Amino acid sequence: ARIRAVLRRFGHAGGSAQSEAGADAVTGGVLAFGDLEIDT
């Protein structure tokens, strides 16, 4: 069960965890928090 759980999250690391709330800017799936940019 633990192996399968790890493999599941590695298989779709992007998931659906993204939001525009609170980000300084959102452009083409890129979230910006100060000097940190996350390309979702």
PDB file of all heavy atoms in Angstrom:
ATOM      1  N   ALA A   1       0.830  -1.213   0.000  1.00  0.00           N
ATOM      2  CA  ALA A   1       0.000   0.000   0.000  1.00  0.00           C
ATOM      3  C   ALA A   1       0.856   1.252   0.000  1.00  0.00           C
ATOM      4  O   ALA A   1       0.558   2.225  -0.708  1.00  0.00           O
ATOM      5  CB  ALA A   1      -0.940  -0.005   1.198  1.00  0.00           C
ATOM      6  N   ARG A   2       1.942   1.244   0.786  1.00  0.00           N
ATOM      7  CA  ARG A   2       2.814   2.421   0.835  1.00  0.00           C
ATOM      8  C   ARG A   2       3.551   2.592  -0.488  1.00  0.00           C
ATOM      9  O   ARG A   2       3.749   3.717  -0.964  1.00  0.00           O
ATOM     10  CB  ARG A   2       3.807   2.271   1.994  1.00  0.00           C
ATOM     11  CG  ARG A   2       3.150   2.212   3.354  1.00  0.00           C
ATOM     12  CD  ARG A   2       2.647   3.570   3.805  1.00  0.00           C
ATOM     13  NE  ARG A   2       3.685   4.310   4.464  1.00  0.00           N
ATOM     14  CZ  ARG A   2       3.948   4.204   5.770  1.00  0.00           C
ATOM     15  NH1 ARG A   2       3.263   3.385   6.537  1.00  0.00           N
ATOM     16  NH2 ARG A   2       4.901   4.932   6.307  1.00  0.00           N
ATOM     17  N   ILE A   3       3.978   1.488  -1.095  1.00  0.00           N
ATOM     18  CA  ILE A   3       4.637   1.576  -2.400  1.00  0.00           C
ATOM     19  C   ILE A   3       3.693   2.179  -3.426  1.00  0.00           C
ATOM     20  O   ILE A   3       4.052   3.089  -4.179  1.00  0.00           O
ATOM     21  CB  ILE A   3       5.109   0.186  -2.860  1.00  0.00           C
ATOM     22  CG1 ILE A   3       6.261  -0.312  -1.989  1.00  0.00           C
ATOM     23  CG2 ILE A   3       5.555   0.225  -4.327  1.00  0.00           C
ATOM     24  CD1 ILE A   3       6.659  -1.743  -2.266  1.00  0.00           C
ATOM     25  N   ARG A   4       2.465   1.680  -3.460  1.00  0.00           N
ATOM     26  CA  ARG A   4       1.497   2.181  -4.452  1.00  0.00           C
ATOM     27  C   ARG A   4       1.152   3.644  -4.202  1.00  0.00           C
ATOM     28  O   ARG A   4       0.961   4.413  -5.144  1.00  0.00           O
ATOM     29  CB  ARG A   4       0.241   1.314  -4.434  1.00  0.00           C
ATOM     30  CG  ARG A   4       0.483  -0.129  -4.882  1.00  0.00           C
ATOM     31  CD  ARG A   4      -0.814  -0.839  -5.218  1.00  0.00           C
ATOM     32  NE  ARG A   4      -0.616  -2.252  -5.472  1.00  0.00           N
ATOM     33  CZ  ARG A   4      -0.105  -2.768  -6.574  1.00  0.00           C
ATOM     34  NH1 ARG A   4       0.285  -1.966  -7.550  1.00  0.00           N
ATOM     35  NH2 ARG A   4       0.023  -4.079  -6.707  1.00  0.00           N
ATOM     36  N   ALA A   5       1.091   4.042  -2.920  1.00  0.00           N
ATOM     37  CA  ALA A   5       0.804   5.443  -2.602  1.00  0.00           C
ATOM     38  C   ALA A   5       1.914   6.349  -3.117  1.00  0.00           C
ATOM     39  O   ALA A   5       1.660   7.408  -3.703  1.00  0.00           O
ATOM     40  CB  ALA A   5       0.624   5.617  -1.093  1.00  0.00           C
ATOM     41  N   VAL A   6       3.173   5.944  -2.905  1.00  0.00           N
ATOM     42  CA  VAL A   6       4.301   6.734  -3.399  1.00  0.00           C
ATOM     43  C   VAL A   6       4.281   6.799  -4.918  1.00  0.00           C
ATOM     44  O   VAL A   6       4.453   7.881  -5.516  1.00  0.00           O
ATOM     45  CB  VAL A   6       5.634   6.127  -2.908  1.00  0.00           C
ATOM     46  CG1 VAL A   6       6.810   6.808  -3.603  1.00  0.00           C
ATOM     47  CG2 VAL A   6       5.775   6.282  -1.406  1.00  0.00           C
ATOM     48  N   LEU A   7       4.034   5.683  -5.567  1.00  0.00           N
ATOM     49  CA  LEU A   7       4.034   5.662  -7.026  1.00  0.00           C
ATOM     50  C   LEU A   7       2.900   6.512  -7.589  1.00  0.00           C
ATOM     51  O   LEU A   7       3.064   7.151  -8.629  1.00  0.00           O
ATOM     52  CB  LEU A   7       3.918   4.222  -7.527  1.00  0.00           C
ATOM     53  CG  LEU A   7       5.152   3.345  -7.273  1.00  0.00           C
ATOM     54  CD1 LEU A   7       4.835   1.890  -7.613  1.00  0.00           C
ATOM     55  CD2 LEU A   7       6.345   3.839  -8.087  1.00  0.00           C
ATOM     56  N   ARG A   8       1.739   6.525  -6.912  1.00  0.00           N
ATOM     57  CA  ARG A   8       0.625   7.342  -7.396  1.00  0.00           C
ATOM     58  C   ARG A   8       0.994   8.813  -7.402  1.00  0.00           C
ATOM     59  O   ARG A   8       0.735   9.535  -8.360  1.00  0.00           O
ATOM     60  CB  ARG A   8      -0.619   7.132  -6.524  1.00  0.00           C
ATOM     61  CG  ARG A   8      -1.436   5.919  -6.884  1.00  0.00           C
ATOM     62  CD  ARG A   8      -2.831   5.993  -6.285  1.00  0.00           C
ATOM     63  NE  ARG A   8      -2.805   6.098  -4.835  1.00  0.00           N
ATOM     64  CZ  ARG A   8      -2.762   5.053  -4.007  1.00  0.00           C
ATOM     65  NH1 ARG A   8      -2.705   3.831  -4.497  1.00  0.00           N
ATOM     66  NH2 ARG A   8      -2.772   5.236  -2.708  1.00  0.00           N
ATOM     67  N   ARG A   9       1.605   9.268  -6.310  1.00  0.00           N
ATOM     68  CA  ARG A   9       1.914  10.702  -6.283  1.00  0.00           C
ATOM     69  C   ARG A   9       3.070  11.054  -7.204  1.00  0.00           C
ATOM     70  O   ARG A   9       3.156  12.163  -7.696  1.00  0.00           O
ATOM     71  CB  ARG A   9       2.157  11.178  -4.856  1.00  0.00           C
ATOM     72  CG  ARG A   9       3.407  10.706  -4.172  1.00  0.00           C
ATOM     73  CD  ARG A   9       3.507  11.382  -2.807  1.00  0.00           C
ATOM     74  NE  ARG A   9       4.710  11.028  -2.087  1.00  0.00           N
ATOM     75  CZ  ARG A   9       4.792  10.091  -1.164  1.00  0.00           C
ATOM     76  NH1 ARG A   9       3.720   9.379  -0.874  1.00  0.00           N
ATOM     77  NH2 ARG A   9       5.929   9.856  -0.544  1.00  0.00           N
ATOM     78  N   PHE A  10       3.949  10.112  -7.471  1.00  0.00           N
ATOM     79  CA  PHE A  10       5.022  10.378  -8.425  1.00  0.00           C
ATOM     80  C   PHE A  10       4.498  10.355  -9.845  1.00  0.00           C
ATOM     81  O   PHE A  10       5.046  10.999 -10.731  1.00  0.00           O
ATOM     82  CB  PHE A  10       6.145   9.342  -8.269  1.00  0.00           C
ATOM     83  CG  PHE A  10       7.188   9.749  -7.271  1.00  0.00           C
ATOM     84  CD1 PHE A  10       6.838  10.014  -5.957  1.00  0.00           C
ATOM     85  CD2 PHE A  10       8.506   9.879  -7.642  1.00  0.00           C
ATOM     86  CE1 PHE A  10       7.785  10.393  -5.029  1.00  0.00           C
ATOM     87  CE2 PHE A  10       9.470  10.259  -6.719  1.00  0.00           C
ATOM     88  CZ  PHE A  10       9.112  10.528  -5.409  1.00  0.00           C
ATOM     89  N   GLY A  11       3.413   9.626 -10.062  1.00  0.00           N
ATOM     90  CA  GLY A  11       2.862   9.528 -11.409  1.00  0.00           C
ATOM     91  C   GLY A  11       2.129  10.771 -11.846  1.00  0.00           C
ATOM     92  O   GLY A  11       1.966  11.014 -13.037  1.00  0.00           O
ATOM     93  N   HIS A  12       1.670  11.575 -10.881  1.00  0.00           N
ATOM     94  CA  HIS A  12       0.990  12.824 -11.245  1.00  0.00           C
ATOM     95  C   HIS A  12       1.363  13.901 -10.246  1.00  0.00           C
ATOM     96  O   HIS A  12       0.551  14.408  -9.502  1.00  0.00           O
ATOM     97  CB  HIS A  12      -0.527  12.656 -11.306  1.00  0.00           C
ATOM     98  CG  HIS A  12      -1.126  12.032 -10.083  1.00  0.00           C
ATOM     99  ND1 HIS A  12      -1.193  10.685  -9.883  1.00  0.00           N
ATOM    100  CD2 HIS A  12      -1.688  12.586  -8.983  1.00  0.00           C
ATOM    101  CE1 HIS A  12      -1.772  10.425  -8.725  1.00  0.00           C
ATOM    102  NE2 HIS A  12      -2.077  11.567  -8.164  1.00  0.00           N
ATOM    103  N   ALA A  13       2.665  14.239 -10.264  1.00  0.00           N
ATOM    104  CA  ALA A  13       3.192  15.210  -9.306  1.00  0.00           C
ATOM    105  C   ALA A  13       2.495  16.547  -9.407  1.00  0.00           C
ATOM    106  O   ALA A  13       2.391  17.286  -8.443  1.00  0.00           O
ATOM    107  CB  ALA A  13       4.700  15.396  -9.509  1.00  0.00           C
ATOM    108  N   GLY A  14       1.977  16.894 -10.603  1.00  0.00           N
ATOM    109  CA  GLY A  14       1.315  18.176 -10.763  1.00  0.00           C
ATOM    110  C   GLY A  14      -0.021  18.221 -10.073  1.00  0.00           C
ATOM    111  O   GLY A  14      -0.418  19.216  -9.509  1.00  0.00           O
ATOM    112  N   GLY A  15      -0.763  17.089 -10.146  1.00  0.00           N
ATOM    113  CA  GLY A  15      -2.072  17.039  -9.538  1.00  0.00           C
ATOM    114  C   GLY A  15      -2.929  18.191 -10.001  1.00  0.00           C
ATOM    115  O   GLY A  15      -2.847  18.674 -11.119  1.00  0.00           O
ATOM    116  N   SER A  16      -3.778  18.664  -9.106  1.00  0.00           N
ATOM    117  CA  SER A  16      -4.612  19.821  -9.418  1.00  0.00           C
ATOM    118  C   SER A  16      -4.342  20.945  -8.439  1.00  0.00           C
ATOM    119  O   SER A  16      -5.134  21.855  -8.291  1.00  0.00           O
ATOM    120  CB  SER A  16      -6.099  19.432  -9.350  1.00  0.00           C
ATOM    121  OG  SER A  16      -6.428  18.949  -8.065  1.00  0.00           O
ATOM    122  N   ALA A  17      -3.225  20.842  -7.747  1.00  0.00           N
ATOM    123  CA  ALA A  17      -2.936  21.806  -6.685  1.00  0.00           C
ATOM    124  C   ALA A  17      -2.368  23.089  -7.245  1.00  0.00           C
ATOM    125  O   ALA A  17      -1.180  23.309  -7.292  1.00  0.00           O
ATOM    126  CB  ALA A  17      -1.944  21.206  -5.692  1.00  0.00           C
ATOM    127  N   GLN A  18      -3.236  23.953  -7.712  1.00  0.00           N
ATOM    128  CA  GLN A  18      -2.790  25.255  -8.143  1.00  0.00           C
ATOM    129  C   GLN A  18      -3.931  26.246  -7.969  1.00  0.00           C
ATOM    130  O   GLN A  18      -5.090  25.919  -8.058  1.00  0.00           O
ATOM    131  CB  GLN A  18      -2.316  25.236  -9.606  1.00  0.00           C
ATOM    132  CG  GLN A  18      -3.291  24.606 -10.581  1.00  0.00           C
ATOM    133  CD  GLN A  18      -2.729  24.583 -11.979  1.00  0.00           C
ATOM    134  OE1 GLN A  18      -2.602  25.618 -12.611  1.00  0.00           O
ATOM    135  NE2 GLN A  18      -2.421  23.424 -12.469  1.00  0.00           N
ATOM    136  N   SER A  19      -3.570  27.474  -7.683  1.00  0.00           N
ATOM    137  CA  SER A  19      -4.575  28.488  -7.408  1.00  0.00           C
ATOM    138  C   SER A  19      -3.993  29.851  -7.691  1.00  0.00           C
ATOM    139  O   SER A  19      -2.803  30.066  -7.596  1.00  0.00           O
ATOM    140  CB  SER A  19      -5.013  28.412  -5.936  1.00  0.00           C
ATOM    141  OG  SER A  19      -5.809  29.527  -5.590  1.00  0.00           O
ATOM    142  N   GLU A  20      -4.878  30.789  -8.034  1.00  0.00           N
ATOM    143  CA  GLU A  20      -4.423  32.148  -8.278  1.00  0.00           C
ATOM    144  C   GLU A  20      -4.430  32.954  -6.991  1.00  0.00           C
ATOM    145  O   GLU A  20      -3.848  34.028  -6.928  1.00  0.00           O
ATOM    146  CB  GLU A  20      -5.323  32.819  -9.316  1.00  0.00           C
ATOM    147  CG  GLU A  20      -5.274  32.134 -10.681  1.00  0.00           C
ATOM    148  CD  GLU A  20      -6.103  32.859 -11.707  1.00  0.00           C
ATOM    149  OE1 GLU A  20      -6.600  33.952 -11.389  1.00  0.00           O
ATOM    150  OE2 GLU A  20      -6.262  32.356 -12.815  1.00  0.00           O
ATOM    151  N   ALA A  21      -5.089  32.478  -5.981  1.00  0.00           N
ATOM    152  CA  ALA A  21      -5.239  33.257  -4.759  1.00  0.00           C
ATOM    153  C   ALA A  21      -3.887  33.562  -4.132  1.00  0.00           C
ATOM    154  O   ALA A  21      -3.085  32.689  -3.916  1.00  0.00           O
ATOM    155  CB  ALA A  21      -6.096  32.481  -3.756  1.00  0.00           C
ATOM    156  N   GLY A  22      -3.660  34.831  -3.842  1.00  0.00           N
ATOM    157  CA  GLY A  22      -2.488  35.249  -3.101  1.00  0.00           C
ATOM    158  C   GLY A  22      -1.222  35.383  -3.910  1.00  0.00           C
ATOM    159  O   GLY A  22      -0.224  35.850  -3.416  1.00  0.00           O
ATOM    160  N   ALA A  23      -1.183  34.946  -5.143  1.00  0.00           N
ATOM    161  CA  ALA A  23       0.025  35.040  -5.939  1.00  0.00           C
ATOM    162  C   ALA A  23       0.195  36.448  -6.449  1.00  0.00           C
ATOM    163  O   ALA A  23      -0.765  37.139  -6.751  1.00  0.00           O
ATOM    164  CB  ALA A  23      -0.045  34.064  -7.107  1.00  0.00           C
ATOM    165  N   ASP A  24       1.468  36.872  -6.561  1.00  0.00           N
ATOM    166  CA  ASP A  24       1.732  38.202  -7.088  1.00  0.00           C
ATOM    167  C   ASP A  24       1.361  38.278  -8.554  1.00  0.00           C
ATOM    168  O   ASP A  24       0.948  39.320  -9.052  1.00  0.00           O
ATOM    169  CB  ASP A  24       3.228  38.528  -6.934  1.00  0.00           C
ATOM    170  CG  ASP A  24       3.627  38.636  -5.473  1.00  0.00           C
ATOM    171  OD1 ASP A  24       2.741  38.911  -4.642  1.00  0.00           O
ATOM    172  OD2 ASP A  24       4.807  38.427  -5.167  1.00  0.00           O
ATOM    173  N   ALA A  25       1.526  37.162  -9.272  1.00  0.00           N
ATOM    174  CA  ALA A  25       1.193  37.155 -10.688  1.00  0.00           C
ATOM    175  C   ALA A  25       0.966  35.726 -11.126  1.00  0.00           C
ATOM    176  O   ALA A  25       1.563  34.800 -10.614  1.00  0.00           O
ATOM    177  CB  ALA A  25       2.337  37.765 -11.513  1.00  0.00           C
ATOM    178  N   VAL A  26       0.061  35.568 -12.092  1.00  0.00           N
ATOM    179  CA  VAL A  26      -0.200  34.257 -12.661  1.00  0.00           C
ATOM    180  C   VAL A  26      -0.199  34.405 -14.168  1.00  0.00           C
ATOM    181  O   VAL A  26      -1.030  35.101 -14.729  1.00  0.00           O
ATOM    182  CB  VAL A  26      -1.555  33.692 -12.182  1.00  0.00           C
ATOM    183  CG1 VAL A  26      -1.778  32.316 -12.770  1.00  0.00           C
ATOM    184  CG2 VAL A  26      -1.637  33.651 -10.681  1.00  0.00           C
ATOM    185  N   THR A  27       0.757  33.773 -14.821  1.00  0.00           N
ATOM    186  CA  THR A  27       0.840  33.874 -16.267  1.00  0.00           C
ATOM    187  C   THR A  27       1.164  32.507 -16.835  1.00  0.00           C
ATOM    188  O   THR A  27       2.227  31.957 -16.567  1.00  0.00           O
ATOM    189  CB  THR A  27       1.941  34.870 -16.690  1.00  0.00           C
ATOM    190  OG1 THR A  27       1.711  36.124 -16.061  1.00  0.00           O
ATOM    191  CG2 THR A  27       1.929  35.056 -18.206  1.00  0.00           C
ATOM    192  N   GLY A  28       0.227  31.956 -17.595  1.00  0.00           N
ATOM    193  CA  GLY A  28       0.474  30.676 -18.228  1.00  0.00           C
ATOM    194  C   GLY A  28       0.811  29.575 -17.246  1.00  0.00           C
ATOM    195  O   GLY A  28       1.675  28.750 -17.498  1.00  0.00           O
ATOM    196  N   GLY A  29       0.118  29.567 -16.102  1.00  0.00           N
ATOM    197  CA  GLY A  29       0.350  28.523 -15.126  1.00  0.00           C
ATOM    198  C   GLY A  29       1.514  28.797 -14.196  1.00  0.00           C
ATOM    199  O   GLY A  29       1.908  27.913 -13.441  1.00  0.00           O
ATOM    200  N   VAL A  30       2.081  30.003 -14.237  1.00  0.00           N
ATOM    201  CA  VAL A  30       3.211  30.346 -13.368  1.00  0.00           C
ATOM    202  C   VAL A  30       2.710  31.172 -12.184  1.00  0.00           C
ATOM    203  O   VAL A  30       2.092  32.211 -12.355  1.00  0.00           O
ATOM    204  CB  VAL A  30       4.294  31.134 -14.135  1.00  0.00           C
ATOM    205  CG1 VAL A  30       5.398  31.564 -13.180  1.00  0.00           C
ATOM    206  CG2 VAL A  30       4.859  30.292 -15.266  1.00  0.00           C
ATOM    207  N   LEU A  31       2.971  30.669 -10.974  1.00  0.00           N
ATOM    208  CA  LEU A  31       2.643  31.396  -9.756  1.00  0.00           C
ATOM    209  C   LEU A  31       3.893  32.094  -9.257  1.00  0.00           C
ATOM    210  O   LEU A  31       4.982  31.514  -9.294  1.00  0.00           O
ATOM    211  CB  LEU A  31       2.139  30.432  -8.678  1.00  0.00           C
ATOM    212  CG  LEU A  31       0.977  29.506  -9.041  1.00  0.00           C
ATOM    213  CD1 LEU A  31       0.630  28.617  -7.857  1.00  0.00           C
ATOM    214  CD2 LEU A  31      -0.240  30.297  -9.485  1.00  0.00           C
ATOM    215  N   ALA A  32       3.744  33.329  -8.785  1.00  0.00           N
ATOM    216  CA  ALA A  32       4.890  34.082  -8.293  1.00  0.00           C
ATOM    217  C   ALA A  32       4.647  34.541  -6.872  1.00  0.00           C
ATOM    218  O   ALA A  32       3.601  35.118  -6.557  1.00  0.00           O
ATOM    219  CB  ALA A  32       5.152  35.290  -9.194  1.00  0.00           C
ATOM    220  N   PHE A  33       5.606  34.234  -6.002  1.00  0.00           N
ATOM    221  CA  PHE A  33       5.577  34.673  -4.606  1.00  0.00           C
ATOM    222  C   PHE A  33       6.927  35.321  -4.326  1.00  0.00           C
ATOM    223  O   PHE A  33       7.907  34.640  -4.035  1.00  0.00           O
ATOM    224  CB  PHE A  33       5.351  33.482  -3.666  1.00  0.00           C
ATOM    225  CG  PHE A  33       4.078  32.732  -3.928  1.00  0.00           C
ATOM    226  CD1 PHE A  33       4.074  31.646  -4.788  1.00  0.00           C
ATOM    227  CD2 PHE A  33       2.886  33.113  -3.328  1.00  0.00           C
ATOM    228  CE1 PHE A  33       2.908  30.940  -5.034  1.00  0.00           C
ATOM    229  CE2 PHE A  33       1.713  32.419  -3.575  1.00  0.00           C
ATOM    230  CZ  PHE A  33       1.723  31.326  -4.429  1.00  0.00           C
ATOM    231  N   GLY A  34       6.983  36.653  -4.468  1.00  0.00           N
ATOM    232  CA  GLY A  34       8.269  37.326  -4.348  1.00  0.00           C
ATOM    233  C   GLY A  34       9.194  36.847  -5.442  1.00  0.00           C
ATOM    234  O   GLY A  34       8.848  36.880  -6.621  1.00  0.00           O
ATOM    235  N   ASP A  35      10.398  36.379  -5.052  1.00  0.00           N
ATOM    236  CA  ASP A  35      11.353  35.929  -6.062  1.00  0.00           C
ATOM    237  C   ASP A  35      11.180  34.445  -6.402  1.00  0.00           C
ATOM    238  O   ASP A  35      11.968  33.875  -7.163  1.00  0.00           O
ATOM    239  CB  ASP A  35      12.792  36.179  -5.589  1.00  0.00           C
ATOM    240  CG  ASP A  35      13.169  35.340  -4.373  1.00  0.00           C
ATOM    241  OD1 ASP A  35      12.277  34.696  -3.776  1.00  0.00           O
ATOM    242  OD2 ASP A  35      14.360  35.325  -4.015  1.00  0.00           O
ATOM    243  N   LEU A  36      10.117  33.840  -5.857  1.00  0.00           N
ATOM    244  CA  LEU A  36       9.855  32.426  -6.107  1.00  0.00           C
ATOM    245  C   LEU A  36       8.806  32.274  -7.197  1.00  0.00           C
ATOM    246  O   LEU A  36       7.702  32.820  -7.093  1.00  0.00           O
ATOM    247  CB  LEU A  36       9.367  31.755  -4.820  1.00  0.00           C
ATOM    248  CG  LEU A  36       9.085  30.255  -4.897  1.00  0.00           C
ATOM    249  CD1 LEU A  36      10.373  29.465  -5.104  1.00  0.00           C
ATOM    250  CD2 LEU A  36       8.359  29.786  -3.631  1.00  0.00           C
ATOM    251  N   GLU A  37       9.135  31.531  -8.249  1.00  0.00           N
ATOM    252  CA  GLU A  37       8.203  31.267  -9.349  1.00  0.00           C
ATOM    253  C   GLU A  37       7.963  29.770  -9.465  1.00  0.00           C
ATOM    254  O   GLU A  37       8.906  28.967  -9.456  1.00  0.00           O
ATOM    255  CB  GLU A  37       8.768  31.790 -10.675  1.00  0.00           C
ATOM    256  CG  GLU A  37       8.906  33.303 -10.731  1.00  0.00           C
ATOM    257  CD  GLU A  37       9.399  33.776 -12.091  1.00  0.00           C
ATOM    258  OE1 GLU A  37       9.899  32.923 -12.864  1.00  0.00           O
ATOM    259  OE2 GLU A  37       9.279  34.968 -12.383  1.00  0.00           O
ATOM    260  N   ILE A  38       6.683  29.403  -9.576  1.00  0.00           N
ATOM    261  CA  ILE A  38       6.300  28.001  -9.675  1.00  0.00           C
ATOM    262  C   ILE A  38       5.530  27.801 -10.966  1.00  0.00           C
ATOM    263  O   ILE A  38       4.427  28.329 -11.134  1.00  0.00           O
ATOM    264  CB  ILE A  38       5.421  27.581  -8.475  1.00  0.00           C
ATOM    265  CG1 ILE A  38       6.101  27.942  -7.155  1.00  0.00           C
ATOM    266  CG2 ILE A  38       5.104  26.089  -8.538  1.00  0.00           C
ATOM    267  CD1 ILE A  38       5.168  27.858  -5.958  1.00  0.00           C
ATOM    268  N   ASP A  39       6.111  27.052 -11.883  1.00  0.00           N
ATOM    269  CA  ASP A  39       5.459  26.727 -13.149  1.00  0.00           C
ATOM    270  C   ASP A  39       4.652  25.460 -12.925  1.00  0.00           C
ATOM    271  O   ASP A  39       5.199  24.356 -12.905  1.00  0.00           O
ATOM    272  CB  ASP A  39       6.506  26.519 -14.245  1.00  0.00           C
ATOM    273  CG  ASP A  39       5.880  26.267 -15.613  1.00  0.00           C
ATOM    274  OD1 ASP A  39       4.664  25.959 -15.673  1.00  0.00           O
ATOM    275  OD2 ASP A  39       6.601  26.348 -16.624  1.00  0.00           O
ATOM    276  N   THR A  40       3.329  25.607 -12.753  1.00  0.00           N
ATOM    277  CA  THR A  40       2.491  24.462 -12.417  1.00  0.00           C
ATOM    278  C   THR A  40       2.197  23.567 -13.607  1.00  0.00           C
ATOM    279  O   THR A  40       1.673  22.463 -13.429  1.00  0.00           O
ATOM    280  CB  THR A  40       1.155  24.932 -11.809  1.00  0.00           C
ATOM    281  OG1 THR A  40       0.447  25.730 -12.767  1.00  0.00           O
ATOM    282  CG2 THR A  40       1.399  25.748 -10.546  1.00  0.00           C
TER     283      THR A  40
END
